[in-house]
Amino acid sequence: MSLLFMLLALVGAVFVLAAGSYALRRVIAAVASRLEADEAPAPAGPVPDAQVGGYVPAPRVPGELPAPLRARVADLVARGRSEEAVRLVRDRLDGDEDRARGIVAALGGEDDGTPVLER
């Protein structure tokens, strides 16, 4: 009796494997026909954004400072305290010193003839 049961289990396993292989071939053929027709498969649900969950910092334009900070840095540069301005920019933007020096140099280079303190 146990030999008959083992034979039946073996035939059942072969049948399950064959059915799975057949189903997989049909799915692959359907996907291939969609790709050949240049049709994108329809999404199953709502399309998620690029970033889902977690902390996502706001995108920043490199070298852009908020208006109050820009005015304060420009005033410090006008007073000849550029090292303090570099430290201020570095601390506020959590950047490195080279980036902060570049930002301060760009602010100091904008000179239209009027003193910075009077703008």
C-alpha atoms as a PDB file:
ATOM      1  CA  MET A   1       0.000   0.000   0.000  1.00  0.00           C
ATOM      2  CA  SER A   2       2.824   2.417   0.801  1.00  0.00           C
ATOM      3  CA  LEU A   3       4.433   1.781  -2.605  1.00  0.00           C
ATOM      4  CA  LEU A   4       1.174   2.747  -4.295  1.00  0.00           C
ATOM      5  CA  PHE A   5       0.945   5.903  -2.159  1.00  0.00           C
ATOM      6  CA  MET A   6       4.544   6.928  -3.067  1.00  0.00           C
ATOM      7  CA  LEU A   7       3.844   6.375  -6.754  1.00  0.00           C
ATOM      8  CA  LEU A   8       0.703   8.506  -6.522  1.00  0.00           C
ATOM      9  CA  ALA A   9       2.627  11.291  -4.730  1.00  0.00           C
ATOM     10  CA  LEU A  10       5.330  11.195  -7.433  1.00  0.00           C
ATOM     11  CA  VAL A  11       2.786  11.453 -10.235  1.00  0.00           C
ATOM     12  CA  GLY A  12       1.088  14.345  -8.414  1.00  0.00           C
ATOM     13  CA  ALA A  13       4.388  16.206  -7.993  1.00  0.00           C
ATOM     14  CA  VAL A  14       5.208  15.775 -11.698  1.00  0.00           C
ATOM     15  CA  PHE A  15       1.737  17.050 -12.600  1.00  0.00           C
ATOM     16  CA  VAL A  16       2.143  20.143 -10.371  1.00  0.00           C
ATOM     17  CA  LEU A  17       5.571  20.913 -11.877  1.00  0.00           C
ATOM     18  CA  ALA A  18       4.224  20.533 -15.417  1.00  0.00           C
ATOM     19  CA  ALA A  19       1.256  22.806 -14.723  1.00  0.00           C
ATOM     20  CA  GLY A  20       3.535  25.440 -13.171  1.00  0.00           C
ATOM     21  CA  SER A  21       5.889  25.319 -16.149  1.00  0.00           C
ATOM     22  CA  TYR A  22       2.969  25.704 -18.553  1.00  0.00           C
ATOM     23  CA  ALA A  23       1.582  28.698 -16.628  1.00  0.00           C
ATOM     24  CA  LEU A  24       5.008  30.351 -16.490  1.00  0.00           C
ATOM     25  CA  ARG A  25       5.472  29.952 -20.249  1.00  0.00           C
ATOM     26  CA  ARG A  26       2.081  31.592 -20.892  1.00  0.00           C
ATOM     27  CA  VAL A  27       2.934  34.536 -18.627  1.00  0.00           C
ATOM     28  CA  ILE A  28       6.317  35.043 -20.331  1.00  0.00           C
ATOM     29  CA  ALA A  29       4.672  34.918 -23.758  1.00  0.00           C
ATOM     30  CA  ALA A  30       2.068  37.517 -22.720  1.00  0.00           C
ATOM     31  CA  VAL A  31       4.737  39.873 -21.362  1.00  0.00           C
ATOM     32  CA  ALA A  32       6.863  39.443 -24.485  1.00  0.00           C
ATOM     33  CA  SER A  33       3.917  40.254 -26.741  1.00  0.00           C
ATOM     34  CA  ARG A  34       3.241  43.444 -24.746  1.00  0.00           C
ATOM     35  CA  LEU A  35       6.863  44.486 -25.020  1.00  0.00           C
ATOM     36  CA  GLU A  36       6.895  43.843 -28.756  1.00  0.00           C
ATOM     37  CA  ALA A  37       3.801  45.998 -29.193  1.00  0.00           C
ATOM     38  CA  ASP A  38       5.488  48.803 -27.180  1.00  0.00           C
ATOM     39  CA  GLU A  39       2.728  48.764 -24.627  1.00  0.00           C
ATOM     40  CA  ALA A  40       3.691  49.460 -21.062  1.00  0.00           C
ATOM     41  CA  PRO A  41       2.066  47.077 -18.607  1.00  0.00           C
ATOM     42  CA  ALA A  42      -0.729  48.755 -16.685  1.00  0.00           C
ATOM     43  CA  PRO A  43       0.228  49.572 -13.089  1.00  0.00           C
ATOM     44  CA  ALA A  44      -1.527  47.471 -10.470  1.00  0.00           C
ATOM     45  CA  GLY A  45      -2.315  50.439  -8.250  1.00  0.00           C
ATOM     46  CA  PRO A  46      -1.394  54.066  -7.729  1.00  0.00           C
ATOM     47  CA  VAL A  47       2.084  54.910  -8.941  1.00  0.00           C
ATOM     48  CA  PRO A  48       4.289  55.781  -5.943  1.00  0.00           C
ATOM     49  CA  ASP A  49       6.528  58.835  -5.908  1.00  0.00           C
ATOM     50  CA  ALA A  50      10.251  58.455  -6.430  1.00  0.00           C
ATOM     51  CA  GLN A  51      10.884  58.592  -2.683  1.00  0.00           C
ATOM     52  CA  VAL A  52       8.477  56.933  -0.280  1.00  0.00           C
ATOM     53  CA  GLY A  53       8.828  57.360   3.457  1.00  0.00           C
ATOM     54  CA  GLY A  54      11.832  58.295   5.501  1.00  0.00           C
ATOM     55  CA  TYR A  55      13.612  61.615   5.754  1.00  0.00           C
ATOM     56  CA  VAL A  56      14.012  63.372   2.424  1.00  0.00           C
ATOM     57  CA  PRO A  57      15.837  66.709   2.510  1.00  0.00           C
ATOM     58  CA  ALA A  58      14.439  69.492   0.387  1.00  0.00           C
ATOM     59  CA  PRO A  59      16.332  69.955  -2.863  1.00  0.00           C
ATOM     60  CA  ARG A  60      18.696  72.903  -2.678  1.00  0.00           C
ATOM     61  CA  VAL A  61      20.285  74.930  -5.363  1.00  0.00           C
ATOM     62  CA  PRO A  62      24.038  74.740  -4.711  1.00  0.00           C
ATOM     63  CA  GLY A  63      25.361  77.982  -3.342  1.00  0.00           C
ATOM     64  CA  GLU A  64      21.959  79.499  -2.658  1.00  0.00           C
ATOM     65  CA  LEU A  65      21.558  81.141   0.729  1.00  0.00           C
ATOM     66  CA  PRO A  66      18.366  82.327   2.392  1.00  0.00           C
ATOM     67  CA  ALA A  67      17.879  86.095   2.015  1.00  0.00           C
ATOM     68  CA  PRO A  68      18.561  87.040   5.682  1.00  0.00           C
ATOM     69  CA  LEU A  69      21.713  84.919   5.798  1.00  0.00           C
ATOM     70  CA  ARG A  70      22.883  86.317   2.461  1.00  0.00           C
ATOM     71  CA  ALA A  71      22.457  89.876   3.773  1.00  0.00           C
ATOM     72  CA  ARG A  72      24.330  89.109   6.985  1.00  0.00           C
ATOM     73  CA  VAL A  73      27.204  87.438   5.128  1.00  0.00           C
ATOM     74  CA  ALA A  74      27.413  90.348   2.682  1.00  0.00           C
ATOM     75  CA  ASP A  75      27.569  92.781   5.620  1.00  0.00           C
ATOM     76  CA  LEU A  76      30.344  90.761   7.267  1.00  0.00           C
ATOM     77  CA  VAL A  77      32.318  90.731   4.010  1.00  0.00           C
ATOM     78  CA  ALA A  78      31.830  94.485   3.641  1.00  0.00           C
ATOM     79  CA  ARG A  79      33.207  94.986   7.138  1.00  0.00           C
ATOM     80  CA  GLY A  80      36.272  92.928   6.294  1.00  0.00           C
ATOM     81  CA  ARG A  81      35.295  89.971   8.487  1.00  0.00           C
ATOM     82  CA  SER A  82      35.305  87.350   5.755  1.00  0.00           C
ATOM     83  CA  GLU A  83      36.595  84.539   8.018  1.00  0.00           C
ATOM     84  CA  GLU A  84      33.597  85.004  10.291  1.00  0.00           C
ATOM     85  CA  ALA A  85      31.343  85.000   7.225  1.00  0.00           C
ATOM     86  CA  VAL A  86      32.908  81.726   6.051  1.00  0.00           C
ATOM     87  CA  ARG A  87      32.333  80.139   9.475  1.00  0.00           C
ATOM     88  CA  LEU A  88      28.729  81.364   9.493  1.00  0.00           C
ATOM     89  CA  VAL A  89      28.000  79.928   6.041  1.00  0.00           C
ATOM     90  CA  ARG A  90      29.750  76.645   6.860  1.00  0.00           C
ATOM     91  CA  ASP A  91      27.774  76.190  10.085  1.00  0.00           C
ATOM     92  CA  ARG A  92      24.396  77.124   8.599  1.00  0.00           C
ATOM     93  CA  LEU A  93      24.688  74.991   5.447  1.00  0.00           C
ATOM     94  CA  ASP A  94      26.460  72.035   7.101  1.00  0.00           C
ATOM     95  CA  GLY A  95      28.959  72.131   4.260  1.00  0.00           C
ATOM     96  CA  ASP A  96      32.701  72.035   3.984  1.00  0.00           C
ATOM     97  CA  GLU A  97      35.008  75.022   4.212  1.00  0.00           C
ATOM     98  CA  ASP A  98      35.846  75.142   0.494  1.00  0.00           C
ATOM     99  CA  ARG A  99      32.180  75.389  -0.456  1.00  0.00           C
ATOM    100  CA  ALA A 100      31.610  78.088   2.168  1.00  0.00           C
ATOM    101  CA  ARG A 101      34.642  80.054   0.908  1.00  0.00           C
ATOM    102  CA  GLY A 102      33.284  79.862  -2.644  1.00  0.00           C
ATOM    103  CA  ILE A 103      29.889  81.171  -1.567  1.00  0.00           C
ATOM    104  CA  VAL A 104      31.452  84.030   0.416  1.00  0.00           C
ATOM    105  CA  ALA A 105      33.742  84.889  -2.489  1.00  0.00           C
ATOM    106  CA  ALA A 106      30.749  84.992  -4.837  1.00  0.00           C
ATOM    107  CA  LEU A 107      28.912  87.326  -2.484  1.00  0.00           C
ATOM    108  CA  GLY A 108      31.940  89.545  -2.098  1.00  0.00           C
ATOM    109  CA  GLY A 109      32.450  89.663  -5.859  1.00  0.00           C
ATOM    110  CA  GLU A 110      29.008  91.150  -6.532  1.00  0.00           C
ATOM    111  CA  ASP A 111      29.798  94.832  -6.492  1.00  0.00           C
ATOM    112  CA  ASP A 112      27.637  97.328  -8.371  1.00  0.00           C
ATOM    113  CA  GLY A 113      29.262 100.407  -6.859  1.00  0.00           C
ATOM    114  CA  THR A 114      26.997 100.853  -3.838  1.00  0.00           C
ATOM    115  CA  PRO A 115      28.305  99.834  -0.413  1.00  0.00           C
ATOM    116  CA  VAL A 116      26.810  96.563   0.804  1.00  0.00           C
ATOM    117  CA  LEU A 117      25.723  98.091   4.090  1.00  0.00           C
ATOM    118  CA  GLU A 118      23.505 100.603   2.281  1.00  0.00           C
ATOM    119  CA  ARG A 119      21.669  98.168   0.000  1.00  0.00           C
END
